[in-house]
Each structure stands twice: as C-alpha cells, then as structure tokens.
C-alpha cells in the first residue's frame, strides 16, 4: 500500500478531518482515505446525476410492453 505525506496542510482542514474521524470512529489516516475516495469519485456521481436529470426533463418513457429495468436485471442475473 502506498504512503502519502501532505505538507503545509491548513489547520482548519486538519481539525475538520480529526473531528470527522472521531465521529466515524476512524483514525485520521483512515478518514483521509475515505474523504479522498469520495472526492475522486465525485465527478462520476456528477455525470450520473446530470444524465438522470436530463432523462427526467426529457420526459421519455419506456414503450408499452417493454421489459422493466428490474426484469432486465433479473434476466441478466439468471443467465450467469
């Protein structure tokens, strides 16, 4: 596993990280990893949210008689 050292971390960020770590019963290192993971995944979530918002605005619906998303997932799982 890699090691990361951060120099000149602003005190306010460090104190917030410590507070979050305590609240979540984690070490500061574990909390920093969690926060970095969330931050790095944020662009993916934003793209997904934007795509869902565009679909809602478009008001597109499945054709009558089309398989529901749940049925498609179930069928996919059953074929494995």
PDB file of N, CA and C in Angstrom:
ATOM      1  N   UNK A   1       0.846  -1.172   0.000  1.00  0.00           N
ATOM      2  CA  UNK A   1       0.000   0.000   0.000  1.00  0.00           C
ATOM      3  C   UNK A   1       0.894   1.238   0.000  1.00  0.00           C
ATOM      4  N   UNK A   2       0.486   2.237  -0.752  1.00  0.00           N
ATOM      5  CA  UNK A   2       1.262   3.463  -0.875  1.00  0.00           C
ATOM      6  C   UNK A   2       1.109   4.341   0.371  1.00  0.00           C
ATOM      7  N   UNK A   3       2.056   5.242   0.534  1.00  0.00           N
ATOM      8  CA  UNK A   3       2.031   6.196   1.638  1.00  0.00           C
ATOM      9  C   UNK A   3       1.972   7.597   1.058  1.00  0.00           C
ATOM     10  N   UNK A   4       1.189   8.460   1.698  1.00  0.00           N
ATOM     11  CA  UNK A   4       1.041   9.840   1.245  1.00  0.00           C
ATOM     12  C   UNK A   4       1.369  10.764   2.407  1.00  0.00           C
ATOM     13  N   UNK A   5       2.212  11.739   2.151  1.00  0.00           N
ATOM     14  CA  UNK A   5       2.535  12.741   3.165  1.00  0.00           C
ATOM     15  C   UNK A   5       2.085  14.087   2.622  1.00  0.00           C
ATOM     16  N   UNK A   6       1.350  14.823   3.424  1.00  0.00           N
ATOM     17  CA  UNK A   6       0.865  16.138   2.998  1.00  0.00           C
ATOM     18  C   UNK A   6       1.577  17.199   3.828  1.00  0.00           C
ATOM     19  N   UNK A   7       2.266  18.092   3.159  1.00  0.00           N
ATOM     20  CA  UNK A   7       2.967  19.171   3.854  1.00  0.00           C
ATOM     21  C   UNK A   7       2.100  20.431   3.824  1.00  0.00           C
ATOM     22  N   UNK A   8       2.236  21.226   4.850  1.00  0.00           N
ATOM     23  CA  UNK A   8       1.560  22.525   4.932  1.00  0.00           C
ATOM     24  C   UNK A   8       0.042  22.408   4.797  1.00  0.00           C
ATOM     25  N   UNK A   9      -0.519  21.385   5.414  1.00  0.00           N
ATOM     26  CA  UNK A   9      -1.968  21.224   5.414  1.00  0.00           C
ATOM     27  C   UNK A   9      -2.566  22.318   6.295  1.00  0.00           C
ATOM     28  N   UNK A  10      -3.514  23.085   5.779  1.00  0.00           N
ATOM     29  CA  UNK A  10      -4.117  24.135   6.598  1.00  0.00           C
ATOM     30  C   UNK A  10      -4.734  23.561   7.877  1.00  0.00           C
ATOM     31  N   UNK A  11      -4.555  24.270   8.964  1.00  0.00           N
ATOM     32  CA  UNK A  11      -5.010  23.816  10.279  1.00  0.00           C
ATOM     33  C   UNK A  11      -6.515  23.541  10.303  1.00  0.00           C
ATOM     34  N   UNK A  12      -7.294  24.393   9.636  1.00  0.00           N
ATOM     35  CA  UNK A  12      -8.749  24.203   9.663  1.00  0.00           C
ATOM     36  C   UNK A  12      -9.154  22.898   8.983  1.00  0.00           C
ATOM     37  N   UNK A  13      -8.489  22.527   7.922  1.00  0.00           N
ATOM     38  CA  UNK A  13      -8.795  21.264   7.240  1.00  0.00           C
ATOM     39  C   UNK A  13      -8.420  20.090   8.132  1.00  0.00           C
ATOM     40  N   UNK A  14      -7.256  20.191   8.762  1.00  0.00           N
ATOM     41  CA  UNK A  14      -6.826  19.116   9.654  1.00  0.00           C
ATOM     42  C   UNK A  14      -7.806  18.937  10.814  1.00  0.00           C
ATOM     43  N   UNK A  15      -8.237  20.022  11.397  1.00  0.00           N
ATOM     44  CA  UNK A  15      -9.168  19.929  12.535  1.00  0.00           C
ATOM     45  C   UNK A  15     -10.519  19.346  12.109  1.00  0.00           C
ATOM     46  N   UNK A  16     -10.977  19.701  10.926  1.00  0.00           N
ATOM     47  CA  UNK A  16     -12.233  19.116  10.416  1.00  0.00           C
ATOM     48  C   UNK A  16     -12.058  17.631  10.160  1.00  0.00           C
ATOM     49  N   UNK A  17     -10.901  17.246   9.643  1.00  0.00           N
ATOM     50  CA  UNK A  17     -10.614  15.842   9.388  1.00  0.00           C
ATOM     51  C   UNK A  17     -10.577  15.053  10.699  1.00  0.00           C
ATOM     52  N   UNK A  18      -9.942  15.620  11.712  1.00  0.00           N
ATOM     53  CA  UNK A  18      -9.882  14.980  13.023  1.00  0.00           C
ATOM     54  C   UNK A  18     -11.288  14.822  13.595  1.00  0.00           C
ATOM     55  N   UNK A  19     -12.108  15.863  13.494  1.00  0.00           N
ATOM     56  CA  UNK A  19     -13.475  15.802  14.022  1.00  0.00           C
ATOM     57  C   UNK A  19     -14.292  14.729  13.302  1.00  0.00           C
ATOM     58  N   UNK A  20     -14.173  14.665  11.988  1.00  0.00           N
ATOM     59  CA  UNK A  20     -14.896  13.639  11.216  1.00  0.00           C
ATOM     60  C   UNK A  20     -14.410  12.245  11.587  1.00  0.00           C
ATOM     61  N   UNK A  21     -13.104  12.098  11.753  1.00  0.00           N
ATOM     62  CA  UNK A  21     -12.535  10.800  12.114  1.00  0.00           C
ATOM     63  C   UNK A  21     -13.078  10.337  13.463  1.00  0.00           C
ATOM     64  N   UNK A  22     -13.121  11.238  14.424  1.00  0.00           N
ATOM     65  CA  UNK A  22     -13.657  10.878  15.742  1.00  0.00           C
ATOM     66  C   UNK A  22     -15.122  10.490  15.647  1.00  0.00           C
ATOM     67  N   UNK A  23     -15.885  11.250  14.902  1.00  0.00           N
ATOM     68  CA  UNK A  23     -17.321  10.971  14.764  1.00  0.00           C
ATOM     69  C   UNK A  23     -17.573   9.615  14.111  1.00  0.00           C
ATOM     70  N   UNK A  24     -16.683   9.207  13.214  1.00  0.00           N
ATOM     71  CA  UNK A  24     -16.843   7.941  12.495  1.00  0.00           C
ATOM     72  C   UNK A  24     -16.037   6.802  13.113  1.00  0.00           C
ATOM     73  N   UNK A  25     -15.389   7.078  14.249  1.00  0.00           N
ATOM     74  CA  UNK A  25     -14.566   6.072  14.944  1.00  0.00           C
ATOM     75  C   UNK A  25     -13.479   5.513  14.028  1.00  0.00           C
ATOM     76  N   UNK A  26     -12.788   6.442  13.354  1.00  0.00           N
ATOM     77  CA  UNK A  26     -11.689   6.078  12.466  1.00  0.00           C
ATOM     78  C   UNK A  26     -10.441   6.833  12.877  1.00  0.00           C
ATOM     79  N   UNK A  27      -9.305   6.359  12.382  1.00  0.00           N
ATOM     80  CA  UNK A  27      -8.073   7.127  12.552  1.00  0.00           C
ATOM     81  C   UNK A  27      -8.105   8.279  11.552  1.00  0.00           C
ATOM     82  N   UNK A  28      -7.246   9.259  11.770  1.00  0.00           N
ATOM     83  CA  UNK A  28      -7.167  10.387  10.832  1.00  0.00           C
ATOM     84  C   UNK A  28      -6.755   9.878   9.453  1.00  0.00           C
ATOM     85  N   UNK A  29      -5.850   8.926   9.415  1.00  0.00           N
ATOM     86  CA  UNK A  29      -5.405   8.349   8.145  1.00  0.00           C
ATOM     87  C   UNK A  29      -6.556   7.648   7.413  1.00  0.00           C
ATOM     88  N   UNK A  30      -7.329   6.866   8.153  1.00  0.00           N
ATOM     89  CA  UNK A  30      -8.478   6.184   7.538  1.00  0.00           C
ATOM     90  C   UNK A  30      -9.492   7.193   7.016  1.00  0.00           C
ATOM     91  N   UNK A  31      -9.748   8.236   7.812  1.00  0.00           N
ATOM     92  CA  UNK A  31     -10.717   9.248   7.391  1.00  0.00           C
ATOM     93  C   UNK A  31     -10.231   9.990   6.167  1.00  0.00           C
ATOM     94  N   UNK A  32      -8.933  10.297   6.108  1.00  0.00           N
ATOM     95  CA  UNK A  32      -8.380  10.975   4.938  1.00  0.00           C
ATOM     96  C   UNK A  32      -8.562  10.115   3.688  1.00  0.00           C
ATOM     97  N   UNK A  33      -8.360   8.808   3.830  1.00  0.00           N
ATOM     98  CA  UNK A  33      -8.552   7.893   2.702  1.00  0.00           C
ATOM     99  C   UNK A  33     -10.004   7.896   2.241  1.00  0.00           C
ATOM    100  N   UNK A  34     -10.923   7.854   3.189  1.00  0.00           N
ATOM    101  CA  UNK A  34     -12.360   7.875   2.857  1.00  0.00           C
ATOM    102  C   UNK A  34     -12.710   9.173   2.125  1.00  0.00           C
ATOM    103  N   UNK A  35     -12.231  10.293   2.650  1.00  0.00           N
ATOM    104  CA  UNK A  35     -12.545  11.588   2.044  1.00  0.00           C
ATOM    105  C   UNK A  35     -11.929  11.726   0.645  1.00  0.00           C
ATOM    106  N   UNK A  36     -10.711  11.245   0.476  1.00  0.00           N
ATOM    107  CA  UNK A  36     -10.084  11.286  -0.852  1.00  0.00           C
ATOM    108  C   UNK A  36     -10.847  10.417  -1.844  1.00  0.00           C
ATOM    109  N   UNK A  37     -11.262   9.234  -1.391  1.00  0.00           N
ATOM    110  CA  UNK A  37     -12.020   8.343  -2.263  1.00  0.00           C
ATOM    111  C   UNK A  37     -13.333   9.013  -2.706  1.00  0.00           C
ATOM    112  N   UNK A  38     -14.022   9.643  -1.759  1.00  0.00           N
ATOM    113  CA  UNK A  38     -15.276  10.342  -2.097  1.00  0.00           C
ATOM    114  C   UNK A  38     -15.019  11.469  -3.090  1.00  0.00           C
ATOM    115  N   UNK A  39     -13.975  12.238  -2.842  1.00  0.00           N
ATOM    116  CA  UNK A  39     -13.669  13.372  -3.718  1.00  0.00           C
ATOM    117  C   UNK A  39     -13.296  12.915  -5.126  1.00  0.00           C
ATOM    118  N   UNK A  40     -12.561  11.819  -5.224  1.00  0.00           N
ATOM    119  CA  UNK A  40     -12.147  11.330  -6.537  1.00  0.00           C
ATOM    120  C   UNK A  40     -13.294  10.694  -7.299  1.00  0.00           C
ATOM    121  N   UNK A  41     -14.300  10.190  -6.604  1.00  0.00           N
ATOM    122  CA  UNK A  41     -15.471   9.608  -7.256  1.00  0.00           C
ATOM    123  C   UNK A  41     -16.537  10.645  -7.561  1.00  0.00           C
ATOM    124  N   UNK A  42     -16.392  11.852  -7.047  1.00  0.00           N
ATOM    125  CA  UNK A  42     -17.400  12.893  -7.231  1.00  0.00           C
ATOM    126  C   UNK A  42     -17.710  13.185  -8.698  1.00  0.00           C
ATOM    127  N   UNK A  43     -16.708  13.284  -9.586  1.00  0.00           N
ATOM    128  CA  UNK A  43     -17.044  13.551 -10.994  1.00  0.00           C
ATOM    129  C   UNK A  43     -17.946  12.474 -11.602  1.00  0.00           C
ATOM    130  N   UNK A  44     -17.761  11.207 -11.228  1.00  0.00           N
ATOM    131  CA  UNK A  44     -18.622  10.136 -11.730  1.00  0.00           C
ATOM    132  C   UNK A  44     -20.053  10.333 -11.265  1.00  0.00           C
ATOM    133  N   UNK A  45     -20.213  10.660  -9.983  1.00  0.00           N
ATOM    134  CA  UNK A  45     -21.555  10.874  -9.445  1.00  0.00           C
ATOM    135  C   UNK A  45     -22.210  12.068 -10.110  1.00  0.00           C
ATOM    136  N   UNK A  46     -21.430  13.121 -10.373  1.00  0.00           N
ATOM    137  CA  UNK A  46     -21.987  14.301 -11.025  1.00  0.00           C
ATOM    138  C   UNK A  46     -22.481  13.970 -12.419  1.00  0.00           C
ATOM    139  N   UNK A  47     -21.714  13.173 -13.166  1.00  0.00           N
ATOM    140  CA  UNK A  47     -22.143  12.783 -14.516  1.00  0.00           C
ATOM    141  C   UNK A  47     -23.422  11.960 -14.445  1.00  0.00           C
ATOM    142  N   UNK A  48     -23.501  11.053 -13.483  1.00  0.00           N
ATOM    143  CA  UNK A  48     -24.706  10.235 -13.334  1.00  0.00           C
ATOM    144  C   UNK A  48     -25.908  11.106 -12.993  1.00  0.00           C
ATOM    145  N   UNK A  49     -25.715  12.034 -12.075  1.00  0.00           N
ATOM    146  CA  UNK A  49     -26.820  12.933 -11.695  1.00  0.00           C
ATOM    147  C   UNK A  49     -27.263  13.781 -12.876  1.00  0.00           C
ATOM    148  N   UNK A  50     -26.310  14.269 -13.658  1.00  0.00           N
ATOM    149  CA  UNK A  50     -26.655  15.078 -14.825  1.00  0.00           C
ATOM    150  C   UNK A  50     -27.427  14.253 -15.853  1.00  0.00           C
ATOM    151  N   UNK A  51     -27.010  13.015 -16.056  1.00  0.00           N
ATOM    152  CA  UNK A  51     -27.702  12.143 -17.007  1.00  0.00           C
ATOM    153  C   UNK A  51     -29.123  11.863 -16.535  1.00  0.00           C
ATOM    154  N   UNK A  52     -29.291  11.572 -15.246  1.00  0.00           N
ATOM    155  CA  UNK A  52     -30.632  11.330 -14.711  1.00  0.00           C
ATOM    156  C   UNK A  52     -31.507  12.572 -14.812  1.00  0.00           C
ATOM    157  N   UNK A  53     -30.937  13.728 -14.530  1.00  0.00           N
ATOM    158  CA  UNK A  53     -31.698  14.976 -14.635  1.00  0.00           C
ATOM    159  C   UNK A  53     -32.139  15.213 -16.081  1.00  0.00           C
ATOM    160  N   UNK A  54     -31.252  14.939 -17.036  1.00  0.00           N
ATOM    161  CA  UNK A  54     -31.606  15.115 -18.446  1.00  0.00           C
ATOM    162  C   UNK A  54     -32.730  14.169 -18.852  1.00  0.00           C
ATOM    163  N   UNK A  55     -32.697  12.930 -18.346  1.00  0.00           N
ATOM    164  CA  UNK A  55     -33.775  11.988 -18.648  1.00  0.00           C
ATOM    165  C   UNK A  55     -35.103  12.445 -18.053  1.00  0.00           C
ATOM    166  N   UNK A  56     -35.058  12.977 -16.822  1.00  0.00           N
ATOM    167  CA  UNK A  56     -36.297  13.462 -16.203  1.00  0.00           C
ATOM    168  C   UNK A  56     -36.899  14.608 -17.001  1.00  0.00           C
ATOM    169  N   UNK A  57     -36.049  15.525 -17.441  1.00  0.00           N
ATOM    170  CA  UNK A  57     -36.518  16.683 -18.195  1.00  0.00           C
ATOM    171  C   UNK A  57     -37.072  16.259 -19.556  1.00  0.00           C
ATOM    172  N   UNK A  58     -36.457  15.251 -20.162  1.00  0.00           N
ATOM    173  CA  UNK A  58     -36.898  14.820 -21.495  1.00  0.00           C
ATOM    174  C   UNK A  58     -38.263  14.145 -21.454  1.00  0.00           C
ATOM    175  N   UNK A  59     -38.651  13.673 -20.270  1.00  0.00           N
ATOM    176  CA  UNK A  59     -39.949  13.023 -20.076  1.00  0.00           C
ATOM    177  C   UNK A  59     -40.102  11.770 -20.937  1.00  0.00           C
ATOM    178  N   UNK A  60     -38.986  11.116 -21.265  1.00  0.00           N
ATOM    179  CA  UNK A  60     -39.030   9.890 -22.058  1.00  0.00           C
ATOM    180  C   UNK A  60     -39.537   8.751 -21.203  1.00  0.00           C
ATOM    181  N   UNK A  61     -40.319   7.893 -21.792  1.00  0.00           N
ATOM    182  CA  UNK A  61     -40.878   6.745 -21.087  1.00  0.00           C
ATOM    183  C   UNK A  61     -40.602   5.480 -21.890  1.00  0.00           C
ATOM    184  N   UNK A  62     -40.631   4.345 -21.196  1.00  0.00           N
ATOM    185  CA  UNK A  62     -40.482   3.063 -21.878  1.00  0.00           C
ATOM    186  C   UNK A  62     -41.697   2.806 -22.756  1.00  0.00           C
ATOM    187  N   UNK A  63     -41.496   2.171 -23.912  1.00  0.00           N
ATOM    188  CA  UNK A  63     -42.636   1.824 -24.756  1.00  0.00           C
ATOM    189  C   UNK A  63     -43.551   0.834 -24.030  1.00  0.00           C
ATOM    190  N   UNK A  64     -44.819   0.847 -24.388  1.00  0.00           N
ATOM    191  CA  UNK A  64     -45.773  -0.085 -23.791  1.00  0.00           C
ATOM    192  C   UNK A  64     -45.328  -1.506 -24.110  1.00  0.00           C
ATOM    193  N   UNK A  65     -45.288  -2.352 -23.092  1.00  0.00           N
ATOM    194  CA  UNK A  65     -44.899  -3.743 -23.274  1.00  0.00           C
ATOM    195  C   UNK A  65     -43.407  -3.991 -23.150  1.00  0.00           C
ATOM    196  N   UNK A  66     -42.620  -2.934 -22.980  1.00  0.00           N
ATOM    197  CA  UNK A  66     -41.173  -3.114 -22.837  1.00  0.00           C
ATOM    198  C   UNK A  66     -40.864  -3.720 -21.472  1.00  0.00           C
ATOM    199  N   UNK A  67     -39.768  -4.465 -21.419  1.00  0.00           N
ATOM    200  CA  UNK A  67     -39.359  -5.043 -20.144  1.00  0.00           C
ATOM    201  C   UNK A  67     -38.943  -3.925 -19.197  1.00  0.00           C
ATOM    202  N   UNK A  68     -39.296  -4.083 -17.946  1.00  0.00           N
ATOM    203  CA  UNK A  68     -38.891  -3.096 -16.945  1.00  0.00           C
ATOM    204  C   UNK A  68     -37.403  -3.261 -16.653  1.00  0.00           C
ATOM    205  N   UNK A  69     -36.772  -2.212 -16.130  1.00  0.00           N
ATOM    206  CA  UNK A  69     -35.363  -2.347 -15.762  1.00  0.00           C
ATOM    207  C   UNK A  69     -35.132  -3.485 -14.769  1.00  0.00           C
ATOM    208  N   UNK A  70     -36.074  -3.658 -13.844  1.00  0.00           N
ATOM    209  CA  UNK A  70     -35.945  -4.735 -12.862  1.00  0.00           C
ATOM    210  C   UNK A  70     -35.944  -6.101 -13.534  1.00  0.00           C
ATOM    211  N   UNK A  71     -36.824  -6.281 -14.522  1.00  0.00           N
ATOM    212  CA  UNK A  71     -36.908  -7.552 -15.244  1.00  0.00           C
ATOM    213  C   UNK A  71     -35.631  -7.806 -16.045  1.00  0.00           C
ATOM    214  N   UNK A  72     -35.082  -6.755 -16.636  1.00  0.00           N
ATOM    215  CA  UNK A  72     -33.831  -6.901 -17.387  1.00  0.00           C
ATOM    216  C   UNK A  72     -32.686  -7.315 -16.471  1.00  0.00           C
ATOM    217  N   UNK A  73     -32.617  -6.694 -15.293  1.00  0.00           N
ATOM    218  CA  UNK A  73     -31.567  -7.054 -14.332  1.00  0.00           C
ATOM    219  C   UNK A  73     -31.748  -8.490 -13.867  1.00  0.00           C
ATOM    220  N   UNK A  74     -32.981  -8.869 -13.561  1.00  0.00           N
ATOM    221  CA  UNK A  74     -33.271 -10.233 -13.106  1.00  0.00           C
ATOM    222  C   UNK A  74     -32.878 -11.238 -14.178  1.00  0.00           C
ATOM    223  N   UNK A  75     -33.228 -10.956 -15.429  1.00  0.00           N
ATOM    224  CA  UNK A  75     -32.893 -11.849 -16.534  1.00  0.00           C
ATOM    225  C   UNK A  75     -31.378 -11.968 -16.678  1.00  0.00           C
ATOM    226  N   UNK A  76     -30.679 -10.851 -16.550  1.00  0.00           N
ATOM    227  CA  UNK A  76     -29.219 -10.877 -16.649  1.00  0.00           C
ATOM    228  C   UNK A  76     -28.615 -11.730 -15.527  1.00  0.00           C
ATOM    229  N   UNK A  77     -29.119 -11.573 -14.322  1.00  0.00           N
ATOM    230  CA  UNK A  77     -28.606 -12.349 -13.187  1.00  0.00           C
ATOM    231  C   UNK A  77     -28.884 -13.837 -13.368  1.00  0.00           C
ATOM    232  N   UNK A  78     -30.041 -14.164 -13.920  1.00  0.00           N
ATOM    233  CA  UNK A  78     -30.416 -15.567 -14.103  1.00  0.00           C
ATOM    234  C   UNK A  78     -29.556 -16.270 -15.160  1.00  0.00           C
ATOM    235  N   UNK A  79     -28.975 -15.508 -16.064  1.00  0.00           N
ATOM    236  CA  UNK A  79     -28.163 -16.115 -17.119  1.00  0.00           C
ATOM    237  C   UNK A  79     -26.733 -16.388 -16.662  1.00  0.00           C
ATOM    238  N   UNK A  80     -26.373 -15.934 -15.492  1.00  0.00           N
ATOM    239  CA  UNK A  80     -24.992 -16.133 -15.001  1.00  0.00           C
ATOM    240  C   UNK A  80     -24.838 -17.446 -14.310  1.00  0.00           C
TER     241      UNK A  80
END
